[in-house]
Amino acid sequence: MGDRYSPDDPDESVGSPSEESADSAVRYIADETLESLKHRQSVLYTQTIRKFVKWMQSRGKNPKKSTGLSTHCTANYARRVDQLYRYVWQEVEQSIVLELNHWHADQINQALVDDELRKRDGGCYSKTSKRKFNDTLRKYFSWQAHTGTGEKWRPSVEFNDSSSQAPDEFTISERRELREASIEFKTLPAYSDCSPEQRGELKGYLSQKLGKPIDEVTPDDWRQHNRSWEIASLVWTALDGGLRPIEITRAEVTWARTQKATLSIPKEDSAKGEENWEVALTRQTAEILDRWLDQRSHLERHNNSDKLWLTQHGNPWSSSSLNYLLGNLLDATDIDTQHRKLSWYSIRHSVGEYLTEEGDLTKAQTQLRHESLETTKQYRDPSPDARRDSLDRIG
């Protein structure tokens, strides 16, 4: 087994698909997979993936209760299965097989242990990604066992996420700094205050952002940029709702209920696909979001999209672009980033941390859109700030 094959991790490279049926499961099969197969092999392989996808959507979460997984989760599993098939073809069997067995799974597990199964750029997978590959193999063989074509599989080596891998949360004061930074994000100096050189450089920035020739950038474009509530509305809404990256990707204008100060996430677009959610917003966030909706309706970049937010290139936000945005916001604050793992999920973790400290787990569960209260209970450990306050009170 060599290290020539280096698949991408679906969670790092794949966007979230829209709601779809198992009949369109072929979209989860990579072009390089189909190019490896002859016609009859392609037909049979596609049938295999289609059956797996259908089972995952109907029974993948709990086969005994006939509970399925959301389309987004199913897509990630299906794409990992497709990757692992290619690994077996290229590195284990050096030939095409249409059904994986336990020996194949053991070889994959060992390749993960030895870091022989790598990313396309040659980097090693994290423990989290390795665990996801093992989870995918478990699902695959659970499907075989349920349909009578195989038996369940247990890996010889488990990859457990350690608590140190979880993102650190932002403190209450740091959350305030993020809000303030989003208000001032990339605000340009007054047009009249710029030297000709500065003006030319900033016109180049606006030209790229607005998608128009530099000689057509006007002082009014300059003023409109400085008045934009786009980034502030995104950040403030995320800080209130603990929005996952996938929820920001999918967010549409119809979700915003500014009069009610809520964000309404429909069942088909929720990250877990279980039920509709009404996410509470502060009145100030609702006002900022309302200002953005008014501005958005006049922007050409949003004319052909129902998305609530788009990047400056007109694309839906993704985990990578959100983390890039967060990095820029952190650069504009005094937030200490040394020896801390800060990512977009740090925002969500801070919502869970401080809502549970308020003492009502049910409110935290609903705001974070957790199906189970047990998931919310992970935030019950008091934060250092809360413990410090208690120490101050007891003297």
Protein backbone atom coordinates (compact mmCIF):
# COMPACT_ATOMS: atom_id res chain seq x y z
CA MET A 1 0.00 0.00 0.00
CA GLY A 2 1.59 3.27 -1.10
CA ASP A 3 0.69 6.86 -0.50
CA ARG A 4 0.07 7.76 -4.13
CA TYR A 5 -3.69 8.06 -3.67
CA SER A 6 -4.71 11.13 -1.71
CA PRO A 7 -8.48 11.79 -1.70
CA ASP A 8 -10.03 14.98 -0.48
CA ASP A 9 -12.06 15.02 2.70
CA PRO A 10 -15.71 15.68 1.65
CA ASP A 11 -16.31 17.86 4.71
CA GLU A 12 -13.50 20.15 3.62
CA SER A 13 -14.15 20.33 -0.11
CA VAL A 14 -17.81 19.73 -0.79
CA GLY A 15 -20.58 22.30 -0.56
CA SER A 16 -24.00 21.36 0.76
CA PRO A 17 -26.37 19.89 -1.83
CA SER A 18 -29.98 20.87 -2.16
CA GLU A 19 -32.76 18.48 -1.22
CA GLU A 20 -32.81 15.60 -3.67
CA SER A 21 -33.90 12.00 -4.07
CA ALA A 22 -31.75 8.87 -4.06
CA ASP A 23 -32.31 8.62 -7.83
CA SER A 24 -29.90 11.52 -8.30
CA ALA A 25 -27.22 9.81 -6.20
CA VAL A 26 -24.96 9.74 -9.24
CA ARG A 27 -24.01 13.33 -8.39
CA TYR A 28 -22.14 11.96 -5.37
CA ILE A 29 -19.88 9.93 -7.65
CA ALA A 30 -16.73 11.78 -8.69
CA ASP A 31 -15.85 12.11 -12.37
CA GLU A 32 -12.55 10.31 -11.75
CA THR A 33 -14.50 7.36 -10.39
CA LEU A 34 -16.65 7.07 -13.49
CA GLU A 35 -13.60 7.47 -15.70
CA SER A 36 -12.08 4.41 -14.02
CA LEU A 37 -15.06 2.21 -14.87
CA LYS A 38 -16.18 0.48 -18.04
CA HIS A 39 -19.82 0.80 -19.03
CA ARG A 40 -21.26 -2.23 -17.24
CA GLN A 41 -19.11 -1.58 -14.19
CA SER A 42 -20.37 2.00 -14.13
CA VAL A 43 -24.01 0.87 -14.26
CA LEU A 44 -23.57 -1.60 -11.39
CA TYR A 45 -21.48 0.77 -9.28
CA THR A 46 -24.01 3.58 -9.66
CA GLN A 47 -26.76 1.19 -8.57
CA THR A 48 -24.73 0.34 -5.46
CA ILE A 49 -24.29 4.00 -4.49
CA ARG A 50 -27.95 4.71 -5.23
CA LYS A 51 -29.07 1.88 -2.93
CA PHE A 52 -26.72 3.04 -0.19
CA VAL A 53 -27.99 6.61 -0.45
CA LYS A 54 -31.61 5.50 -0.36
CA TRP A 55 -30.96 3.41 2.76
CA MET A 56 -29.09 6.25 4.46
CA GLN A 57 -31.97 8.65 3.81
CA SER A 58 -34.56 6.19 5.12
CA ARG A 59 -32.69 4.24 7.84
CA GLY A 60 -29.14 5.56 8.15
CA LYS A 61 -29.60 7.28 11.50
CA ASN A 62 -31.40 4.48 13.30
CA PRO A 63 -32.23 1.34 11.25
CA LYS A 64 -34.38 -0.14 14.03
CA LYS A 65 -36.60 2.93 14.14
CA SER A 66 -36.44 3.49 10.36
CA THR A 67 -35.00 6.97 10.92
CA GLY A 68 -32.95 8.44 8.10
CA LEU A 69 -30.28 11.11 7.84
CA SER A 70 -30.61 14.51 6.21
CA THR A 71 -29.60 14.95 2.60
CA HIS A 72 -26.51 16.91 3.61
CA CYS A 73 -25.26 14.18 5.97
CA THR A 74 -26.09 11.47 3.44
CA ALA A 75 -24.13 13.32 0.76
CA ASN A 76 -21.00 13.44 2.93
CA TYR A 77 -21.20 9.72 3.67
CA ALA A 78 -21.82 8.85 0.02
CA ARG A 79 -18.87 10.91 -1.17
CA ARG A 80 -16.58 9.28 1.40
CA VAL A 81 -17.71 5.83 0.26
CA ASP A 82 -16.88 6.86 -3.30
CA GLN A 83 -13.41 7.99 -2.19
CA LEU A 84 -12.77 4.77 -0.31
CA TYR A 85 -13.79 2.65 -3.28
CA ARG A 86 -11.20 4.48 -5.39
CA TYR A 87 -8.56 3.92 -2.72
CA VAL A 88 -9.26 0.19 -2.71
CA TRP A 89 -9.11 0.04 -6.51
CA GLN A 90 -5.82 1.92 -6.73
CA GLU A 91 -3.93 0.89 -3.60
CA VAL A 92 -5.40 -2.34 -2.21
CA GLU A 93 -6.67 -4.44 -5.12
CA GLN A 94 -5.15 -2.61 -8.09
CA SER A 95 -8.34 -3.65 -9.85
CA ILE A 96 -12.06 -2.85 -9.80
CA VAL A 97 -14.28 -4.47 -7.15
CA LEU A 98 -17.93 -3.54 -6.81
CA GLU A 99 -18.38 -4.55 -3.18
CA LEU A 100 -16.15 -3.72 -0.23
CA ASN A 101 -15.46 -6.41 2.36
CA HIS A 102 -14.03 -6.42 5.88
CA TRP A 103 -10.50 -7.02 4.63
CA HIS A 104 -10.74 -3.87 2.50
CA ALA A 105 -12.00 -1.96 5.52
CA ASP A 106 -9.12 -3.23 7.67
CA GLN A 107 -6.62 -2.11 5.02
CA ILE A 108 -8.21 1.34 4.93
CA ASN A 109 -8.15 1.55 8.73
CA GLN A 110 -4.45 0.66 8.79
CA ALA A 111 -3.73 3.19 6.03
CA LEU A 112 -5.34 5.85 8.21
CA VAL A 113 -3.23 4.76 11.19
CA ASP A 114 -0.04 4.91 9.11
CA ASP A 115 -1.02 8.16 7.35
CA GLU A 116 -0.75 6.42 3.98
CA LEU A 117 -4.23 7.59 3.04
CA ARG A 118 -3.75 11.32 2.60
CA LYS A 119 -5.39 14.45 1.28
CA ARG A 120 -4.91 15.40 -2.34
CA ASP A 121 -2.35 18.04 -1.34
CA GLY A 122 -0.32 15.39 0.50
CA GLY A 123 -1.33 16.49 3.98
CA CYS A 124 -2.34 14.05 6.70
CA TYR A 125 -5.92 13.75 7.84
CA SER A 126 -6.85 14.94 11.31
CA LYS A 127 -8.21 12.54 13.92
CA THR A 128 -11.65 13.99 13.24
CA SER A 129 -11.42 13.17 9.53
CA LYS A 130 -10.07 9.70 10.26
CA ARG A 131 -12.99 9.08 12.60
CA LYS A 132 -15.39 10.17 9.86
CA PHE A 133 -13.85 7.67 7.43
CA ASN A 134 -14.29 4.91 10.03
CA ASP A 135 -17.86 6.05 10.68
CA THR A 136 -18.50 5.87 6.93
CA LEU A 137 -17.26 2.28 6.80
CA ARG A 138 -19.46 1.41 9.79
CA LYS A 139 -22.49 2.84 7.95
CA TYR A 140 -21.58 0.99 4.77
CA PHE A 141 -21.39 -2.37 6.54
CA SER A 142 -24.48 -1.62 8.64
CA TRP A 143 -26.28 -1.14 5.33
CA GLN A 144 -24.93 -4.48 4.09
CA ALA A 145 -25.95 -6.21 7.32
CA HIS A 146 -29.44 -4.71 7.22
CA THR A 147 -29.97 -5.81 3.63
CA GLY A 148 -28.54 -9.28 4.24
CA THR A 149 -25.50 -8.90 2.00
CA GLY A 150 -22.83 -8.65 4.71
CA GLU A 151 -22.03 -8.19 8.38
CA LYS A 152 -21.31 -5.20 10.57
CA TRP A 153 -17.66 -4.12 10.88
CA ARG A 154 -15.69 -2.83 13.85
CA PRO A 155 -12.34 -1.10 13.28
CA SER A 156 -9.24 -2.43 15.02
CA VAL A 157 -8.17 1.16 15.73
CA GLU A 158 -10.59 3.89 16.77
CA PHE A 159 -10.01 7.60 16.19
CA ASN A 160 -11.63 9.61 18.96
CA ASP A 161 -11.97 13.39 18.95
CA SER A 162 -10.23 14.74 22.01
CA SER A 163 -11.74 17.68 23.84
CA SER A 164 -8.62 19.68 22.94
CA GLN A 165 -9.65 19.52 19.31
CA ALA A 166 -12.92 21.32 19.92
CA PRO A 167 -12.84 25.02 19.05
CA ASP A 168 -12.40 27.42 21.93
CA GLU A 169 -15.34 29.70 22.63
CA PHE A 170 -15.30 33.49 22.62
CA THR A 171 -15.80 35.28 25.92
CA ILE A 172 -18.67 37.72 26.39
CA SER A 173 -16.35 40.70 26.00
CA GLU A 174 -14.83 39.15 22.86
CA ARG A 175 -18.29 38.66 21.37
CA ARG A 176 -18.86 42.39 21.85
CA GLU A 177 -15.57 43.12 20.10
CA LEU A 178 -16.61 40.99 17.14
CA ARG A 179 -19.87 42.91 16.86
CA GLU A 180 -18.03 46.21 16.91
CA ALA A 181 -15.45 45.01 14.39
CA SER A 182 -18.20 43.90 12.00
CA ILE A 183 -19.75 47.38 12.09
CA GLU A 184 -16.42 48.96 11.05
CA PHE A 185 -15.39 46.12 8.72
CA LYS A 186 -13.41 47.49 5.76
CA THR A 187 -14.80 50.99 6.14
CA LEU A 188 -12.95 53.26 3.75
CA PRO A 189 -11.67 56.72 4.70
CA ALA A 190 -13.70 59.63 3.37
CA TYR A 191 -13.27 60.11 -0.38
CA SER A 192 -12.20 63.74 0.05
CA ASP A 193 -9.60 62.81 2.68
CA CYS A 194 -7.66 60.47 0.38
CA SER A 195 -4.61 61.38 -1.62
CA PRO A 196 -4.78 60.62 -5.37
CA GLU A 197 -2.60 57.53 -4.79
CA GLN A 198 -4.83 56.25 -1.96
CA ARG A 199 -7.93 56.99 -3.99
CA GLY A 200 -6.61 55.00 -6.94
CA GLU A 201 -5.73 52.03 -4.75
CA LEU A 202 -9.12 52.00 -3.01
CA LYS A 203 -10.95 52.43 -6.31
CA GLY A 204 -9.19 49.26 -7.43
CA TYR A 205 -10.54 47.47 -4.36
CA LEU A 206 -14.08 48.72 -5.02
CA SER A 207 -13.76 47.85 -8.70
CA GLN A 208 -13.06 44.24 -7.78
CA LYS A 209 -15.76 44.13 -5.12
CA LEU A 210 -18.45 45.71 -7.33
CA GLY A 211 -17.44 43.95 -10.53
CA LYS A 212 -17.17 47.14 -12.58
CA PRO A 213 -14.31 48.89 -14.40
CA ILE A 214 -12.14 51.06 -12.16
CA ASP A 215 -12.87 54.19 -14.17
CA GLU A 216 -16.60 53.69 -13.50
CA VAL A 217 -16.24 53.63 -9.71
CA THR A 218 -17.88 56.79 -8.38
CA PRO A 219 -17.90 58.68 -5.07
CA ASP A 220 -21.44 57.36 -4.61
CA ASP A 221 -20.12 53.77 -4.84
CA TRP A 222 -17.64 54.80 -2.16
CA ARG A 223 -20.38 56.12 0.13
CA GLN A 224 -22.62 53.09 -0.44
CA HIS A 225 -19.78 50.76 0.51
CA ASN A 226 -19.27 52.58 3.80
CA ARG A 227 -22.99 52.35 4.54
CA SER A 228 -23.28 48.61 3.90
CA TRP A 229 -24.81 46.49 6.65
CA GLU A 230 -24.01 43.20 4.92
CA ILE A 231 -21.15 41.88 7.07
CA ALA A 232 -22.60 43.33 10.27
CA SER A 233 -25.95 41.60 9.65
CA LEU A 234 -24.22 38.27 8.99
CA VAL A 235 -21.98 38.44 12.07
CA TRP A 236 -24.65 39.74 14.45
CA THR A 237 -27.15 37.10 13.30
CA ALA A 238 -24.53 34.38 13.71
CA LEU A 239 -23.63 35.63 17.19
CA ASP A 240 -27.30 35.51 18.23
CA GLY A 241 -28.19 32.22 16.63
CA GLY A 242 -24.90 30.34 16.77
CA LEU A 243 -25.33 29.72 13.05
CA ARG A 244 -23.41 26.83 11.57
CA PRO A 245 -21.53 27.53 8.31
CA ILE A 246 -23.99 25.35 6.39
CA GLU A 247 -26.90 27.42 7.73
CA ILE A 248 -25.27 30.63 6.50
CA THR A 249 -24.65 28.95 3.14
CA ARG A 250 -28.33 28.04 2.83
CA ALA A 251 -29.86 31.16 4.41
CA GLU A 252 -32.44 32.85 2.19
CA VAL A 253 -34.22 36.17 2.36
CA THR A 254 -37.46 34.45 3.37
CA TRP A 255 -35.81 33.23 6.58
CA ALA A 256 -35.57 36.76 7.97
CA ARG A 257 -38.58 37.77 10.10
CA THR A 258 -37.32 41.12 11.30
CA GLN A 259 -40.68 42.26 12.70
CA LYS A 260 -40.71 39.20 14.96
CA ALA A 261 -36.93 39.42 15.51
CA THR A 262 -36.44 35.82 14.44
CA LEU A 263 -34.71 33.77 11.79
CA SER A 264 -37.02 31.05 10.52
CA ILE A 265 -35.08 27.98 9.30
CA PRO A 266 -37.33 25.54 7.41
CA LYS A 267 -36.99 21.81 8.03
CA GLU A 268 -35.56 21.08 4.59
CA ASP A 269 -32.75 23.59 5.12
CA SER A 270 -31.88 22.92 8.74
CA ALA A 271 -28.49 21.30 9.27
CA LYS A 272 -30.04 18.19 10.78
CA GLY A 273 -33.17 18.12 8.64
CA GLU A 274 -35.44 17.27 11.55
CA GLU A 275 -37.87 20.17 12.03
CA ASN A 276 -38.53 23.85 11.47
CA TRP A 277 -36.67 26.22 13.80
CA GLU A 278 -37.42 29.75 14.97
CA VAL A 279 -34.12 31.31 16.05
CA ALA A 280 -34.46 34.29 18.37
CA LEU A 281 -32.61 37.50 17.50
CA THR A 282 -32.01 40.56 19.61
CA ARG A 283 -33.96 43.64 18.57
CA GLN A 284 -30.75 45.39 17.56
CA THR A 285 -29.73 42.46 15.35
CA ALA A 286 -33.17 42.45 13.75
CA GLU A 287 -32.81 46.17 13.01
CA ILE A 288 -29.40 45.65 11.41
CA LEU A 289 -30.74 42.73 9.39
CA ASP A 290 -33.68 44.85 8.25
CA ARG A 291 -31.28 47.58 7.09
CA TRP A 292 -29.32 44.99 5.13
CA LEU A 293 -32.46 43.60 3.47
CA ASP A 294 -33.34 47.08 2.28
CA GLN A 295 -29.84 47.62 0.85
CA ARG A 296 -29.69 44.13 -0.63
CA SER A 297 -32.81 44.74 -2.73
CA HIS A 298 -30.93 47.45 -4.64
CA LEU A 299 -27.73 45.50 -5.32
CA GLU A 300 -27.20 43.98 -8.74
CA ARG A 301 -25.03 41.23 -7.24
CA HIS A 302 -28.13 39.77 -5.56
CA ASN A 303 -30.58 40.15 -8.44
CA ASN A 304 -30.56 36.49 -9.44
CA SER A 305 -30.24 34.94 -6.01
CA ASP A 306 -32.52 34.33 -3.03
CA LYS A 307 -29.51 33.90 -0.72
CA LEU A 308 -29.54 36.19 2.28
CA TRP A 309 -25.78 36.71 2.06
CA LEU A 310 -23.25 36.26 -0.73
CA THR A 311 -19.49 36.80 -0.85
CA GLN A 312 -18.14 39.73 -2.84
CA HIS A 313 -17.71 37.31 -5.76
CA GLY A 314 -21.41 36.44 -5.69
CA ASN A 315 -20.97 32.97 -4.19
CA PRO A 316 -22.66 31.48 -1.12
CA TRP A 317 -20.52 31.64 2.00
CA SER A 318 -18.65 28.46 2.93
CA SER A 319 -16.70 27.27 5.99
CA SER A 320 -13.43 28.45 4.46
CA SER A 321 -14.71 31.89 3.45
CA LEU A 322 -16.35 32.37 6.87
CA ASN A 323 -13.14 31.45 8.66
CA TYR A 324 -11.28 33.88 6.40
CA LEU A 325 -13.78 36.58 7.35
CA LEU A 326 -13.35 35.71 11.02
CA GLY A 327 -9.59 36.04 10.66
CA ASN A 328 -10.00 39.54 9.24
CA LEU A 329 -12.35 40.49 12.08
CA LEU A 330 -9.91 39.16 14.68
CA ASP A 331 -7.13 41.22 13.12
CA ALA A 332 -9.25 44.30 13.75
CA THR A 333 -9.73 43.51 17.44
CA ASP A 334 -7.58 43.04 20.53
CA ILE A 335 -8.79 39.46 20.96
CA ASP A 336 -5.95 37.18 22.03
CA THR A 337 -5.58 34.35 19.51
CA GLN A 338 -2.36 32.79 20.79
CA HIS A 339 -2.57 29.17 21.91
CA ARG A 340 -6.29 29.12 21.09
CA LYS A 341 -8.19 27.21 18.43
CA LEU A 342 -10.60 29.81 17.10
CA SER A 343 -12.86 29.12 14.15
CA TRP A 344 -16.38 30.03 13.04
CA TYR A 345 -17.65 27.29 15.37
CA SER A 346 -16.19 29.26 18.28
CA ILE A 347 -19.13 31.63 17.81
CA ARG A 348 -21.61 28.78 18.12
CA HIS A 349 -19.80 27.34 21.13
CA SER A 350 -19.95 30.68 22.90
CA VAL A 351 -23.72 30.83 22.40
CA GLY A 352 -24.08 27.38 23.95
CA GLU A 353 -21.70 28.20 26.77
CA TYR A 354 -23.43 31.37 27.95
CA LEU A 355 -27.03 30.37 27.31
CA THR A 356 -26.61 27.25 29.44
CA GLU A 357 -25.02 29.39 32.16
CA GLU A 358 -28.31 31.28 32.27
CA GLY A 359 -29.75 28.06 33.66
CA ASP A 360 -32.40 27.06 31.10
CA LEU A 361 -31.20 24.14 29.00
CA THR A 362 -34.42 24.01 27.00
CA LYS A 363 -33.93 27.56 25.75
CA ALA A 364 -30.34 26.77 24.80
CA GLN A 365 -31.42 23.57 23.06
CA THR A 366 -33.99 25.40 20.93
CA GLN A 367 -31.71 28.32 20.10
CA LEU A 368 -28.89 25.97 19.03
CA ARG A 369 -31.29 23.65 17.15
CA HIS A 370 -30.24 20.51 18.96
CA GLU A 371 -32.48 17.51 18.46
CA SER A 372 -31.46 16.06 21.81
CA LEU A 373 -31.08 17.80 25.16
CA GLU A 374 -28.07 15.56 25.77
CA THR A 375 -26.20 17.44 23.05
CA THR A 376 -26.90 20.73 24.78
CA LYS A 377 -25.68 19.40 28.12
CA GLN A 378 -22.11 19.40 26.79
CA TYR A 379 -22.13 23.14 27.51
CA ARG A 380 -23.08 22.77 31.17
CA ASP A 381 -19.54 23.07 32.51
CA PRO A 382 -19.23 26.67 33.72
CA SER A 383 -16.83 28.86 31.78
CA PRO A 384 -13.70 30.22 33.50
CA ASP A 385 -15.35 33.66 33.67
CA ALA A 386 -18.39 32.20 35.45
CA ARG A 387 -16.21 30.30 37.90
CA ARG A 388 -14.09 33.40 38.48
CA ASP A 389 -17.24 35.40 39.27
CA SER A 390 -18.25 32.73 41.78
CA LEU A 391 -14.81 32.90 43.43
CA ASP A 392 -15.12 36.68 43.66
CA ARG A 393 -18.49 36.32 45.37
CA ILE A 394 -17.32 33.73 47.93
CA GLY A 395 -14.11 35.66 48.68
